[in-house]
Each structure stands twice: as C-alpha cells, then as structure tokens.
PDB file of N, CA and C in Angstrom:
ATOM      1  N   MET A   1       0.342  -1.019   0.229  1.00  0.00           N
ATOM      2  CA  MET A   1      -0.167   0.271   0.103  1.00  0.00           C
ATOM      3  C   MET A   1       0.882   1.193  -0.128  1.00  0.00           C
ATOM      4  N   ILE A   2       0.580   2.018  -0.581  1.00  0.00           N
ATOM      5  CA  ILE A   2       1.199   3.365  -0.818  1.00  0.00           C
ATOM      6  C   ILE A   2       1.076   4.396   0.178  1.00  0.00           C
ATOM      7  N   LEU A   3       0.686   5.295   0.834  1.00  0.00           N
ATOM      8  CA  LEU A   3       1.393   5.904   1.653  1.00  0.00           C
ATOM      9  C   LEU A   3       1.233   7.415   1.540  1.00  0.00           C
ATOM     10  N   LYS A   4       1.108   8.379   1.744  1.00  0.00           N
ATOM     11  CA  LYS A   4       0.633   9.786   1.036  1.00  0.00           C
ATOM     12  C   LYS A   4      -0.059   9.931   2.235  1.00  0.00           C
ATOM     13  N   GLY A   5       0.955  11.256   3.062  1.00  0.00           N
ATOM     14  CA  GLY A   5       0.627  12.197   4.559  1.00  0.00           C
ATOM     15  C   GLY A   5       1.051  13.623   3.913  1.00  0.00           C
ATOM     16  N   ASN A   6       0.327  14.532   4.677  1.00  0.00           N
ATOM     17  CA  ASN A   6       0.732  15.417   5.189  1.00  0.00           C
ATOM     18  C   ASN A   6      -0.460  16.874   5.585  1.00  0.00           C
ATOM     19  N   GLN A   7       0.440  17.353   6.313  1.00  0.00           N
ATOM     20  CA  GLN A   7       0.168  18.731   7.389  1.00  0.00           C
ATOM     21  C   GLN A   7      -0.761  19.493   6.767  1.00  0.00           C
ATOM     22  N   ARG A   8      -2.148  19.494   6.556  1.00  0.00           N
ATOM     23  CA  ARG A   8      -2.208  20.702   5.673  1.00  0.00           C
ATOM     24  C   ARG A   8      -3.085  21.828   6.182  1.00  0.00           C
ATOM     25  N   ALA A   9      -3.833  22.996   5.869  1.00  0.00           N
ATOM     26  CA  ALA A   9      -5.698  24.041   5.705  1.00  0.00           C
ATOM     27  C   ALA A   9      -6.042  24.127   5.223  1.00  0.00           C
ATOM     28  N   HIS A  10      -6.908  24.648   5.014  1.00  0.00           N
ATOM     29  CA  HIS A  10      -7.764  25.089   3.992  1.00  0.00           C
ATOM     30  C   HIS A  10      -8.706  24.193   3.995  1.00  0.00           C
ATOM     31  N   GLY A  11      -9.100  23.480   5.042  1.00  0.00           N
ATOM     32  CA  GLY A  11      -9.808  22.227   4.615  1.00  0.00           C
ATOM     33  C   GLY A  11     -11.277  22.078   4.104  1.00  0.00           C
ATOM     34  N   ARG A  12     -11.883  23.418   3.475  1.00  0.00           N
ATOM     35  CA  ARG A  12     -12.833  23.482   2.992  1.00  0.00           C
ATOM     36  C   ARG A  12     -12.596  23.701   1.540  1.00  0.00           C
ATOM     37  N   GLU A  13     -11.190  23.612   0.660  1.00  0.00           N
ATOM     38  CA  GLU A  13     -10.880  22.929  -0.802  1.00  0.00           C
ATOM     39  C   GLU A  13     -10.926  21.713  -0.249  1.00  0.00           C
ATOM     40  N   LEU A  14      -9.628  21.114   1.516  1.00  0.00           N
ATOM     41  CA  LEU A  14      -9.649  19.849   0.305  1.00  0.00           C
ATOM     42  C   LEU A  14     -11.160  18.553   1.082  1.00  0.00           C
ATOM     43  N   ALA A  15     -11.837  19.323   1.380  1.00  0.00           N
ATOM     44  CA  ALA A  15     -13.894  18.376   1.332  1.00  0.00           C
ATOM     45  C   ALA A  15     -14.293  18.278   0.226  1.00  0.00           C
ATOM     46  N   LEU A  16     -13.896  20.278  -0.523  1.00  0.00           N
ATOM     47  CA  LEU A  16     -13.911  19.722  -2.299  1.00  0.00           C
ATOM     48  C   LEU A  16     -13.175  18.709  -2.491  1.00  0.00           C
ATOM     49  N   HIS A  17     -12.430  18.521  -2.706  1.00  0.00           N
ATOM     50  CA  HIS A  17     -11.205  17.479  -3.295  1.00  0.00           C
ATOM     51  C   HIS A  17     -11.097  16.594  -3.423  1.00  0.00           C
ATOM     52  N   LEU A  18     -12.180  16.030  -2.468  1.00  0.00           N
ATOM     53  CA  LEU A  18     -12.372  14.763  -1.567  1.00  0.00           C
ATOM     54  C   LEU A  18     -13.513  14.236  -1.853  1.00  0.00           C
ATOM     55  N   LEU A  19     -14.510  15.081  -1.690  1.00  0.00           N
ATOM     56  CA  LEU A  19     -16.126  15.029  -3.024  1.00  0.00           C
ATOM     57  C   LEU A  19     -16.597  15.256  -4.480  1.00  0.00           C
ATOM     58  N   ASN A  20     -14.727  14.839  -4.547  1.00  0.00           N
ATOM     59  CA  ASN A  20     -15.243  15.023  -6.286  1.00  0.00           C
ATOM     60  C   ASN A  20     -15.519  13.876  -7.463  1.00  0.00           C
ATOM     61  N   THR A  21     -16.843  14.410  -7.614  1.00  0.00           N
ATOM     62  CA  THR A  21     -16.330  12.821  -9.101  1.00  0.00           C
ATOM     63  C   THR A  21     -15.861  13.047  -9.995  1.00  0.00           C
ATOM     64  N   GLU A  22     -15.785  14.635 -10.294  1.00  0.00           N
ATOM     65  CA  GLU A  22     -15.230  14.301 -11.870  1.00  0.00           C
ATOM     66  C   GLU A  22     -13.462  13.850 -12.207  1.00  0.00           C
ATOM     67  N   ASP A  23     -12.970  13.070 -10.976  1.00  0.00           N
ATOM     68  CA  ASP A  23     -12.098  12.664 -11.745  1.00  0.00           C
ATOM     69  C   ASP A  23     -12.315  11.530 -10.660  1.00  0.00           C
ATOM     70  N   ASN A  24     -12.828  10.887  -9.882  1.00  0.00           N
ATOM     71  CA  ASN A  24     -13.506  10.165  -9.098  1.00  0.00           C
ATOM     72  C   ASN A  24     -14.973   9.340 -10.491  1.00  0.00           C
ATOM     73  N   GLU A  25     -15.366   7.860 -10.199  1.00  0.00           N
ATOM     74  CA  GLU A  25     -16.600   7.304 -10.560  1.00  0.00           C
ATOM     75  C   GLU A  25     -17.692   7.342  -9.322  1.00  0.00           C
ATOM     76  N   HIS A  26     -16.461   7.239  -8.510  1.00  0.00           N
ATOM     77  CA  HIS A  26     -17.120   7.025  -6.962  1.00  0.00           C
ATOM     78  C   HIS A  26     -16.771   7.959  -5.588  1.00  0.00           C
ATOM     79  N   ALA A  27     -17.066   8.976  -4.809  1.00  0.00           N
ATOM     80  CA  ALA A  27     -16.649   8.719  -3.589  1.00  0.00           C
ATOM     81  C   ALA A  27     -17.756   8.908  -3.013  1.00  0.00           C
ATOM     82  N   VAL A  28     -17.689   8.176  -1.597  1.00  0.00           N
ATOM     83  CA  VAL A  28     -18.309   8.336  -0.411  1.00  0.00           C
ATOM     84  C   VAL A  28     -18.103   8.203   0.840  1.00  0.00           C
ATOM     85  N   ILE A  29     -18.766   9.452   1.915  1.00  0.00           N
ATOM     86  CA  ILE A  29     -18.011   8.938   2.460  1.00  0.00           C
ATOM     87  C   ILE A  29     -18.412   7.895   3.482  1.00  0.00           C
ATOM     88  N   HIS A  30     -17.820   6.672   4.230  1.00  0.00           N
ATOM     89  CA  HIS A  30     -17.060   6.317   4.472  1.00  0.00           C
ATOM     90  C   HIS A  30     -18.011   6.615   5.973  1.00  0.00           C
ATOM     91  N   GLU A  31     -17.187   7.299   7.021  1.00  0.00           N
ATOM     92  CA  GLU A  31     -17.157   7.306   8.432  1.00  0.00           C
ATOM     93  C   GLU A  31     -17.073   9.190   8.898  1.00  0.00           C
ATOM     94  N   LEU A  32     -17.765   9.901   9.735  1.00  0.00           N
ATOM     95  CA  LEU A  32     -17.569  11.166  10.085  1.00  0.00           C
ATOM     96  C   LEU A  32     -17.360  10.720  11.327  1.00  0.00           C
ATOM     97  N   ARG A  33     -15.537  10.585  12.192  1.00  0.00           N
ATOM     98  CA  ARG A  33     -16.732  10.799  14.014  1.00  0.00           C
ATOM     99  C   ARG A  33     -15.724  11.615  14.564  1.00  0.00           C
ATOM    100  N   GLY A  34     -16.361  12.116  15.454  1.00  0.00           N
ATOM    101  CA  GLY A  34     -15.855  12.708  16.308  1.00  0.00           C
ATOM    102  C   GLY A  34     -16.535  14.698  16.056  1.00  0.00           C
ATOM    103  N   PHE A  35     -16.680  14.930  14.796  1.00  0.00           N
ATOM    104  CA  PHE A  35     -18.332  16.039  14.431  1.00  0.00           C
ATOM    105  C   PHE A  35     -18.807  16.208  15.237  1.00  0.00           C
ATOM    106  N   LEU A  36     -19.319  17.211  15.010  1.00  0.00           N
ATOM    107  CA  LEU A  36     -20.410  17.855  15.124  1.00  0.00           C
ATOM    108  C   LEU A  36     -21.874  17.729  13.559  1.00  0.00           C
ATOM    109  N   ALA A  37     -20.950  18.535  12.539  1.00  0.00           N
ATOM    110  CA  ALA A  37     -21.625  18.269  11.762  1.00  0.00           C
ATOM    111  C   ALA A  37     -22.025  16.915  10.905  1.00  0.00           C
ATOM    112  N   ASP A  38     -22.114  17.408  10.574  1.00  0.00           N
ATOM    113  CA  ASP A  38     -22.625  15.683   9.454  1.00  0.00           C
ATOM    114  C   ASP A  38     -22.489  15.912   8.150  1.00  0.00           C
ATOM    115  N   ASP A  39     -21.282  16.800   7.991  1.00  0.00           N
ATOM    116  CA  ASP A  39     -20.915  15.978   6.343  1.00  0.00           C
ATOM    117  C   ASP A  39     -19.991  17.093   6.473  1.00  0.00           C
ATOM    118  N   LEU A  40     -19.473  16.347   4.519  1.00  0.00           N
ATOM    119  CA  LEU A  40     -17.489  17.665   5.444  1.00  0.00           C
ATOM    120  C   LEU A  40     -17.306  19.124   5.170  1.00  0.00           C
ATOM    121  N   ILE A  41     -17.813  19.146   4.736  1.00  0.00           N
ATOM    122  CA  ILE A  41     -18.083  20.598   4.360  1.00  0.00           C
ATOM    123  C   ILE A  41     -17.506  21.339   5.905  1.00  0.00           C
ATOM    124  N   GLY A  42     -18.370  20.799   6.705  1.00  0.00           N
ATOM    125  CA  GLY A  42     -19.259  21.139   8.079  1.00  0.00           C
ATOM    126  C   GLY A  42     -18.385  20.820   8.919  1.00  0.00           C
ATOM    127  N   ALA A  43     -17.529  19.854   8.678  1.00  0.00           N
ATOM    128  CA  ALA A  43     -16.356  18.900   9.396  1.00  0.00           C
ATOM    129  C   ALA A  43     -15.292  19.516   9.723  1.00  0.00           C
ATOM    130  N   PHE A  44     -15.320  19.551   8.063  1.00  0.00           N
ATOM    131  CA  PHE A  44     -13.493  20.563   8.430  1.00  0.00           C
ATOM    132  C   PHE A  44     -13.504  21.752   9.114  1.00  0.00           C
ATOM    133  N   LYS A  45     -14.833  22.575   8.264  1.00  0.00           N
ATOM    134  CA  LYS A  45     -14.660  23.901   8.844  1.00  0.00           C
ATOM    135  C   LYS A  45     -14.509  24.031  11.283  1.00  0.00           C
ATOM    136  N   GLU A  46     -15.702  22.912  11.244  1.00  0.00           N
ATOM    137  CA  GLU A  46     -15.706  23.292  12.738  1.00  0.00           C
ATOM    138  C   GLU A  46     -14.201  22.797  12.702  1.00  0.00           C
ATOM    139  N   ALA A  47     -13.068  22.071  12.552  1.00  0.00           N
ATOM    140  CA  ALA A  47     -12.004  21.981  13.131  1.00  0.00           C
ATOM    141  C   ALA A  47     -10.937  22.671  12.560  1.00  0.00           C
ATOM    142  N   GLU A  48     -11.030  23.779  11.597  1.00  0.00           N
ATOM    143  CA  GLU A  48     -10.655  25.100  11.381  1.00  0.00           C
ATOM    144  C   GLU A  48     -11.002  26.292  12.841  1.00  0.00           C
ATOM    145  N   ALA A  49     -12.315  26.290  13.562  1.00  0.00           N
ATOM    146  CA  ALA A  49     -12.400  26.944  14.363  1.00  0.00           C
ATOM    147  C   ALA A  49     -12.083  27.131  15.465  1.00  0.00           C
ATOM    148  N   ILE A  50     -11.950  25.522  15.279  1.00  0.00           N
ATOM    149  CA  ILE A  50     -11.357  25.147  16.680  1.00  0.00           C
ATOM    150  C   ILE A  50      -9.776  25.196  16.384  1.00  0.00           C
ATOM    151  N   SER A  51      -9.382  25.037  15.188  1.00  0.00           N
ATOM    152  CA  SER A  51      -7.566  25.458  15.680  1.00  0.00           C
ATOM    153  C   SER A  51      -7.624  27.432  16.030  1.00  0.00           C
ATOM    154  N   ARG A  52      -8.372  27.605  15.568  1.00  0.00           N
ATOM    155  CA  ARG A  52      -7.920  29.362  15.273  1.00  0.00           C
ATOM    156  C   ARG A  52      -8.062  30.161  17.181  1.00  0.00           C
ATOM    157  N   GLY A  53      -8.709  28.955  17.698  1.00  0.00           N
ATOM    158  CA  GLY A  53      -8.141  29.305  19.696  1.00  0.00           C
ATOM    159  C   GLY A  53      -7.016  28.286  20.428  1.00  0.00           C
ATOM    160  N   THR A  54      -6.096  28.350  18.927  1.00  0.00           N
ATOM    161  CA  THR A  54      -5.125  27.558  18.994  1.00  0.00           C
ATOM    162  C   THR A  54      -3.515  27.966  18.548  1.00  0.00           C
ATOM    163  N   LYS A  55      -3.902  28.741  17.523  1.00  0.00           N
ATOM    164  CA  LYS A  55      -2.934  28.716  16.405  1.00  0.00           C
ATOM    165  C   LYS A  55      -2.033  28.359  15.428  1.00  0.00           C
ATOM    166  N   CYS A  56      -3.031  26.685  15.927  1.00  0.00           N
ATOM    167  CA  CYS A  56      -2.502  25.934  14.867  1.00  0.00           C
ATOM    168  C   CYS A  56      -3.318  26.119  13.612  1.00  0.00           C
ATOM    169  N   GLU A  57      -1.671  25.938  11.965  1.00  0.00           N
ATOM    170  CA  GLU A  57      -2.746  26.672  10.975  1.00  0.00           C
ATOM    171  C   GLU A  57      -2.827  25.908  10.472  1.00  0.00           C
ATOM    172  N   GLN A  58      -2.379  24.672  10.556  1.00  0.00           N
ATOM    173  CA  GLN A  58      -2.162  22.970   9.611  1.00  0.00           C
ATOM    174  C   GLN A  58      -2.989  21.646  10.395  1.00  0.00           C
ATOM    175  N   TYR A  59      -4.019  22.758  10.675  1.00  0.00           N
ATOM    176  CA  TYR A  59      -4.716  22.261  11.722  1.00  0.00           C
ATOM    177  C   TYR A  59      -5.530  20.289  11.160  1.00  0.00           C
ATOM    178  N   LEU A  60      -5.509  19.430   9.555  1.00  0.00           N
ATOM    179  CA  LEU A  60      -5.364  19.246   9.240  1.00  0.00           C
ATOM    180  C   LEU A  60      -4.486  17.821   8.967  1.00  0.00           C
ATOM    181  N   PHE A  61      -4.521  16.611   9.064  1.00  0.00           N
ATOM    182  CA  PHE A  61      -3.007  15.481   8.676  1.00  0.00           C
ATOM    183  C   PHE A  61      -4.008  15.015   7.792  1.00  0.00           C
ATOM    184  N   SER A  62      -3.263  14.446   6.350  1.00  0.00           N
ATOM    185  CA  SER A  62      -4.914  14.206   6.024  1.00  0.00           C
ATOM    186  C   SER A  62      -3.829  12.604   4.536  1.00  0.00           C
ATOM    187  N   LEU A  63      -4.195  11.432   4.667  1.00  0.00           N
ATOM    188  CA  LEU A  63      -3.658  10.446   4.918  1.00  0.00           C
ATOM    189  C   LEU A  63      -3.730  10.050   3.092  1.00  0.00           C
ATOM    190  N   SER A  64      -4.105  10.286   2.594  1.00  0.00           N
ATOM    191  CA  SER A  64      -4.235   8.791   1.453  1.00  0.00           C
ATOM    192  C   SER A  64      -3.250   7.289   1.084  1.00  0.00           C
ATOM    193  N   LEU A  65      -4.487   6.499   1.355  1.00  0.00           N
ATOM    194  CA  LEU A  65      -4.163   5.067   0.778  1.00  0.00           C
ATOM    195  C   LEU A  65      -4.143   4.744  -0.771  1.00  0.00           C
ATOM    196  N   ASN A  66      -3.196   4.675  -0.862  1.00  0.00           N
ATOM    197  CA  ASN A  66      -3.047   3.776  -2.170  1.00  0.00           C
ATOM    198  C   ASN A  66      -2.683   2.523  -2.138  1.00  0.00           C
ATOM    199  N   PRO A  67      -3.924   1.729  -3.100  1.00  0.00           N
ATOM    200  CA  PRO A  67      -3.295   0.053  -2.738  1.00  0.00           C
ATOM    201  C   PRO A  67      -2.750  -0.430  -4.642  1.00  0.00           C
ATOM    202  N   PRO A  68      -1.667  -1.603  -4.445  1.00  0.00           N
ATOM    203  CA  PRO A  68      -1.351  -1.591  -5.981  1.00  0.00           C
ATOM    204  C   PRO A  68      -2.277  -1.845  -7.143  1.00  0.00           C
ATOM    205  N   LYS A  69      -2.007  -1.456  -8.306  1.00  0.00           N
ATOM    206  CA  LYS A  69      -3.084  -1.762  -9.448  1.00  0.00           C
ATOM    207  C   LYS A  69      -3.766  -2.983  -9.275  1.00  0.00           C
ATOM    208  N   SER A  70      -2.517  -3.729  -8.682  1.00  0.00           N
ATOM    209  CA  SER A  70      -3.314  -5.905  -8.835  1.00  0.00           C
ATOM    210  C   SER A  70      -3.314  -5.707  -7.616  1.00  0.00           C
ATOM    211  N   ALA A  71      -4.240  -4.747  -6.853  1.00  0.00           N
ATOM    212  CA  ALA A  71      -4.821  -5.935  -5.460  1.00  0.00           C
ATOM    213  C   ALA A  71      -6.180  -4.620  -5.969  1.00  0.00           C
ATOM    214  N   LYS A  72      -6.680  -6.188  -4.372  1.00  0.00           N
ATOM    215  CA  LYS A  72      -8.175  -5.914  -3.921  1.00  0.00           C
ATOM    216  C   LYS A  72      -8.124  -5.397  -2.574  1.00  0.00           C
ATOM    217  N   VAL A  73      -8.610  -4.517  -2.412  1.00  0.00           N
ATOM    218  CA  VAL A  73      -8.209  -4.029  -0.712  1.00  0.00           C
ATOM    219  C   VAL A  73      -9.641  -3.867  -0.379  1.00  0.00           C
ATOM    220  N   SER A  74      -9.979  -4.679   0.954  1.00  0.00           N
ATOM    221  CA  SER A  74     -11.616  -4.096   0.912  1.00  0.00           C
ATOM    222  C   SER A  74     -11.883  -3.507   2.131  1.00  0.00           C
ATOM    223  N   ILE A  75     -13.075  -2.275   2.356  1.00  0.00           N
ATOM    224  CA  ILE A  75     -13.466  -1.893   3.194  1.00  0.00           C
ATOM    225  C   ILE A  75     -12.678  -2.272   4.325  1.00  0.00           C
ATOM    226  N   ALA A  76     -12.592  -3.597   5.060  1.00  0.00           N
ATOM    227  CA  ALA A  76     -12.340  -3.227   6.164  1.00  0.00           C
ATOM    228  C   ALA A  76     -10.676  -3.596   6.933  1.00  0.00           C
ATOM    229  N   GLU A  77     -10.066  -4.218   5.532  1.00  0.00           N
ATOM    230  CA  GLU A  77      -8.705  -4.073   5.091  1.00  0.00           C
ATOM    231  C   GLU A  77      -8.614  -2.690   5.358  1.00  0.00           C
ATOM    232  N   PHE A  78      -8.698  -1.384   4.159  1.00  0.00           N
ATOM    233  CA  PHE A  78      -8.194  -0.114   4.835  1.00  0.00           C
ATOM    234  C   PHE A  78      -8.868   0.773   6.287  1.00  0.00           C
ATOM    235  N   GLU A  79      -9.497  -0.155   7.377  1.00  0.00           N
ATOM    236  CA  GLU A  79      -9.912   0.482   8.259  1.00  0.00           C
ATOM    237  C   GLU A  79      -8.712  -0.227   9.609  1.00  0.00           C
ATOM    238  N   THR A  80      -8.235  -1.680   9.297  1.00  0.00           N
ATOM    239  CA  THR A  80      -7.979  -1.656  10.078  1.00  0.00           C
ATOM    240  C   THR A  80      -6.032  -1.012   9.846  1.00  0.00           C
ATOM    241  N   VAL A  81      -5.791  -1.101   8.384  1.00  0.00           N
ATOM    242  CA  VAL A  81      -4.427  -0.110   8.474  1.00  0.00           C
ATOM    243  C   VAL A  81      -4.886   1.645   8.824  1.00  0.00           C
ATOM    244  N   ILE A  82      -5.658   1.775   8.947  1.00  0.00           N
ATOM    245  CA  ILE A  82      -6.346   3.684   9.521  1.00  0.00           C
ATOM    246  C   ILE A  82      -5.857   3.213  11.209  1.00  0.00           C
ATOM    247  N   ALA A  83      -6.722   1.983  11.201  1.00  0.00           N
ATOM    248  CA  ALA A  83      -6.189   2.139  12.896  1.00  0.00           C
ATOM    249  C   ALA A  83      -5.158   1.773  13.202  1.00  0.00           C
ATOM    250  N   ASP A  84      -4.690   1.585  12.459  1.00  0.00           N
ATOM    251  CA  ASP A  84      -3.574   0.914  12.899  1.00  0.00           C
ATOM    252  C   ASP A  84      -2.329   2.051  12.351  1.00  0.00           C
ATOM    253  N   ILE A  85      -2.733   2.842  11.627  1.00  0.00           N
ATOM    254  CA  ILE A  85      -1.779   4.212  11.660  1.00  0.00           C
ATOM    255  C   ILE A  85      -1.480   5.005  12.356  1.00  0.00           C
ATOM    256  N   GLU A  86      -3.843   5.081  11.977  1.00  0.00           N
ATOM    257  CA  GLU A  86      -3.633   6.337  13.876  1.00  0.00           C
ATOM    258  C   GLU A  86      -3.086   5.706  15.094  1.00  0.00           C
ATOM    259  N   ARG A  87      -3.232   4.896  15.603  1.00  0.00           N
ATOM    260  CA  ARG A  87      -1.991   5.339  16.140  1.00  0.00           C
ATOM    261  C   ARG A  87      -1.158   5.363  16.733  1.00  0.00           C
ATOM    262  N   ARG A  88      -0.320   4.355  15.574  1.00  0.00           N
ATOM    263  CA  ARG A  88       1.031   5.051  15.022  1.00  0.00           C
ATOM    264  C   ARG A  88       1.780   6.815  15.060  1.00  0.00           C
ATOM    265  N   LEU A  89       0.452   7.234  15.295  1.00  0.00           N
ATOM    266  CA  LEU A  89       0.831   8.349  14.851  1.00  0.00           C
ATOM    267  C   LEU A  89      -0.104   9.822  16.295  1.00  0.00           C
ATOM    268  N   GLY A  90      -0.226   8.685  16.598  1.00  0.00           N
ATOM    269  CA  GLY A  90      -1.411   9.535  17.769  1.00  0.00           C
ATOM    270  C   GLY A  90      -1.513   9.975  18.387  1.00  0.00           C
ATOM    271  N   LEU A  91      -2.966  10.046  16.699  1.00  0.00           N
ATOM    272  CA  LEU A  91      -4.000  10.567  16.979  1.00  0.00           C
ATOM    273  C   LEU A  91      -5.109   9.411  17.313  1.00  0.00           C
ATOM    274  N   THR A  92      -5.044   8.862  18.126  1.00  0.00           N
ATOM    275  CA  THR A  92      -6.501   8.022  18.586  1.00  0.00           C
ATOM    276  C   THR A  92      -7.209   8.342  19.539  1.00  0.00           C
ATOM    277  N   GLY A  93      -8.544   8.311  18.887  1.00  0.00           N
ATOM    278  CA  GLY A  93      -9.933   9.000  19.017  1.00  0.00           C
ATOM    279  C   GLY A  93      -9.679  10.715  18.433  1.00  0.00           C
ATOM    280  N   GLN A  94      -8.942  11.139  17.743  1.00  0.00           N
ATOM    281  CA  GLN A  94      -9.005  11.785  17.255  1.00  0.00           C
ATOM    282  C   GLN A  94     -10.081  12.804  16.440  1.00  0.00           C
ATOM    283  N   PRO A  95     -11.017  12.820  16.558  1.00  0.00           N
ATOM    284  CA  PRO A  95     -11.913  13.916  15.223  1.00  0.00           C
ATOM    285  C   PRO A  95     -11.125  13.187  13.485  1.00  0.00           C
ATOM    286  N   ARG A  96     -12.299  12.685  13.046  1.00  0.00           N
ATOM    287  CA  ARG A  96     -11.691  12.636  12.086  1.00  0.00           C
ATOM    288  C   ARG A  96     -12.578  12.230  10.988  1.00  0.00           C
ATOM    289  N   ALA A  97     -12.005  11.221   9.463  1.00  0.00           N
ATOM    290  CA  ALA A  97     -13.689  11.670   7.849  1.00  0.00           C
ATOM    291  C   ALA A  97     -12.093   9.994   7.316  1.00  0.00           C
ATOM    292  N   ILE A  98     -13.589   8.923   6.921  1.00  0.00           N
ATOM    293  CA  ILE A  98     -13.038   8.476   6.293  1.00  0.00           C
ATOM    294  C   ILE A  98     -13.708   8.785   4.348  1.00  0.00           C
ATOM    295  N   VAL A  99     -12.890   8.368   3.254  1.00  0.00           N
ATOM    296  CA  VAL A  99     -13.431   9.007   2.408  1.00  0.00           C
ATOM    297  C   VAL A  99     -12.569   7.867   0.621  1.00  0.00           C
ATOM    298  N   PHE A 100     -14.057   7.217   0.499  1.00  0.00           N
ATOM    299  CA  PHE A 100     -13.023   5.920  -0.491  1.00  0.00           C
ATOM    300  C   PHE A 100     -12.971   6.690  -1.624  1.00  0.00           C
ATOM    301  N   HIS A 101     -12.207   6.162  -2.389  1.00  0.00           N
ATOM    302  CA  HIS A 101     -12.718   6.720  -3.886  1.00  0.00           C
ATOM    303  C   HIS A 101     -12.971   5.373  -4.769  1.00  0.00           C
ATOM    304  N   GLU A 102     -13.450   5.728  -5.758  1.00  0.00           N
ATOM    305  CA  GLU A 102     -13.462   4.836  -6.772  1.00  0.00           C
ATOM    306  C   GLU A 102     -12.940   5.328  -8.670  1.00  0.00           C
ATOM    307  N   LYS A 103     -12.242   4.901  -8.946  1.00  0.00           N
ATOM    308  CA  LYS A 103     -11.184   5.973 -10.247  1.00  0.00           C
ATOM    309  C   LYS A 103     -10.836   4.021 -10.983  1.00  0.00           C
ATOM    310  N   LYS A 104     -11.913   4.386 -12.364  1.00  0.00           N
ATOM    311  CA  LYS A 104     -11.844   2.665 -13.360  1.00  0.00           C
ATOM    312  C   LYS A 104     -11.997   1.470 -12.249  1.00  0.00           C
ATOM    313  N   GLY A 105     -12.680   0.750 -11.437  1.00  0.00           N
ATOM    314  CA  GLY A 105     -11.984  -0.256 -10.747  1.00  0.00           C
ATOM    315  C   GLY A 105     -12.103  -0.181  -9.491  1.00  0.00           C
ATOM    316  N   ARG A 106     -10.474   0.485  -9.441  1.00  0.00           N
ATOM    317  CA  ARG A 106     -10.014   0.661  -8.392  1.00  0.00           C
ATOM    318  C   ARG A 106     -10.120   1.232  -7.403  1.00  0.00           C
ATOM    319  N   ARG A 107     -10.156   0.891  -6.249  1.00  0.00           N
ATOM    320  CA  ARG A 107     -11.028   1.421  -4.951  1.00  0.00           C
ATOM    321  C   ARG A 107      -9.523   2.084  -3.820  1.00  0.00           C
ATOM    322  N   HIS A 108      -9.219   3.646  -3.681  1.00  0.00           N
ATOM    323  CA  HIS A 108      -8.787   4.347  -2.359  1.00  0.00           C
ATOM    324  C   HIS A 108      -9.188   4.886  -1.563  1.00  0.00           C
ATOM    325  N   ALA A 109      -8.478   4.061  -0.298  1.00  0.00           N
ATOM    326  CA  ALA A 109      -8.937   5.664   0.359  1.00  0.00           C
ATOM    327  C   ALA A 109      -8.242   6.748   0.405  1.00  0.00           C
ATOM    328  N   HIS A 110      -8.922   8.198   1.450  1.00  0.00           N
ATOM    329  CA  HIS A 110      -8.068   8.763   2.234  1.00  0.00           C
ATOM    330  C   HIS A 110      -9.078   9.835   3.590  1.00  0.00           C
ATOM    331  N   CYS A 111      -8.098   9.391   4.770  1.00  0.00           N
ATOM    332  CA  CYS A 111      -8.648   9.752   6.020  1.00  0.00           C
ATOM    333  C   CYS A 111      -8.068  10.862   6.290  1.00  0.00           C
ATOM    334  N   VAL A 112      -8.505  12.345   6.972  1.00  0.00           N
ATOM    335  CA  VAL A 112      -8.481  13.219   7.801  1.00  0.00           C
ATOM    336  C   VAL A 112      -8.414  12.797   8.737  1.00  0.00           C
ATOM    337  N   TRP A 113      -7.957  13.163   9.694  1.00  0.00           N
ATOM    338  CA  TRP A 113      -7.473  13.402  10.828  1.00  0.00           C
ATOM    339  C   TRP A 113      -7.630  15.201  11.733  1.00  0.00           C
ATOM    340  N   SER A 114      -8.481  15.922  12.152  1.00  0.00           N
ATOM    341  CA  SER A 114      -7.910  16.591  13.182  1.00  0.00           C
ATOM    342  C   SER A 114      -6.633  16.540  14.030  1.00  0.00           C
ATOM    343  N   ARG A 115      -5.860  17.489  13.768  1.00  0.00           N
ATOM    344  CA  ARG A 115      -4.432  17.495  14.700  1.00  0.00           C
ATOM    345  C   ARG A 115      -5.113  18.454  16.239  1.00  0.00           C
ATOM    346  N   ILE A 116      -5.533  18.963  16.557  1.00  0.00           N
ATOM    347  CA  ILE A 116      -6.110  19.616  17.463  1.00  0.00           C
ATOM    348  C   ILE A 116      -5.965  18.443  18.763  1.00  0.00           C
ATOM    349  N   ASP A 117      -5.248  19.057  19.580  1.00  0.00           N
ATOM    350  CA  ASP A 117      -5.662  18.185  21.247  1.00  0.00           C
ATOM    351  C   ASP A 117      -6.770  18.858  21.758  1.00  0.00           C
ATOM    352  N   GLU A 118      -7.566  18.346  21.665  1.00  0.00           N
ATOM    353  CA  GLU A 118      -9.211  19.421  22.162  1.00  0.00           C
ATOM    354  C   GLU A 118      -9.100  18.742  24.217  1.00  0.00           C
ATOM    355  N   ALA A 119      -8.044  17.909  24.869  1.00  0.00           N
ATOM    356  CA  ALA A 119      -8.575  17.039  25.805  1.00  0.00           C
ATOM    357  C   ALA A 119      -7.108  18.195  26.750  1.00  0.00           C
TER     358      ALA A 119
END
C-alpha cells in the first residue's frame, strides 16, 4: 500500500477535493467521527474554528492510501490499516473522516484527522 500524508490547512478546499466525482467515478464518505457536523465541509470548518483558538495553522493531517493496481483491498482491510496508522501517529480518538474513491474500478481511501487535541 502506498501511503502519502501531510499536514494541511484549507479544510473547505480539501473537502471539495475529496467529494470530487469528476476525477473519480465514486466518492463516498465512509465515516465522520468526532465532529458535530454531519457533512465533510462542515466537519473541516469545525476543525478550522477550533484551531483558531490554538493558533495552529495546519490543523488537519491528511493521508491517502493507495493499494497497488493489481490489489483488491476490502473496506475492512483499509479500516485496519487506518486504525494502525492512527495509533502509531498518536491520533487515537481524534476527530476523523474517511472517504473512499473509486477510479477505473480501483478503490483507494483518504483519511483526514483533526490535529487539535481538545483535551
């Protein structure tokens, strides 16, 4: 699995990119956890609003998970990898969103966490 992660801001632009169905045949929000909002744009706006109180500029951590072209990875397998990465990065319990894309019959995933520890 090819993993690409980065810290970022501009949650609205990221949400619009993740919801894009022009470049992907399917874009499905699989999970929104820990946000009051029930939509992706609202969730990332919420993270941005919370970040303002902390002066954190890159308040999101975005991870793309791309299996090899020949691999058929189940949703459960993606969830297992995401849980392991979340634990390793110290993001356990942080608000997160998981979005699945399908392009030319190949599924890949994006997971975005809020980096702000509200505790």
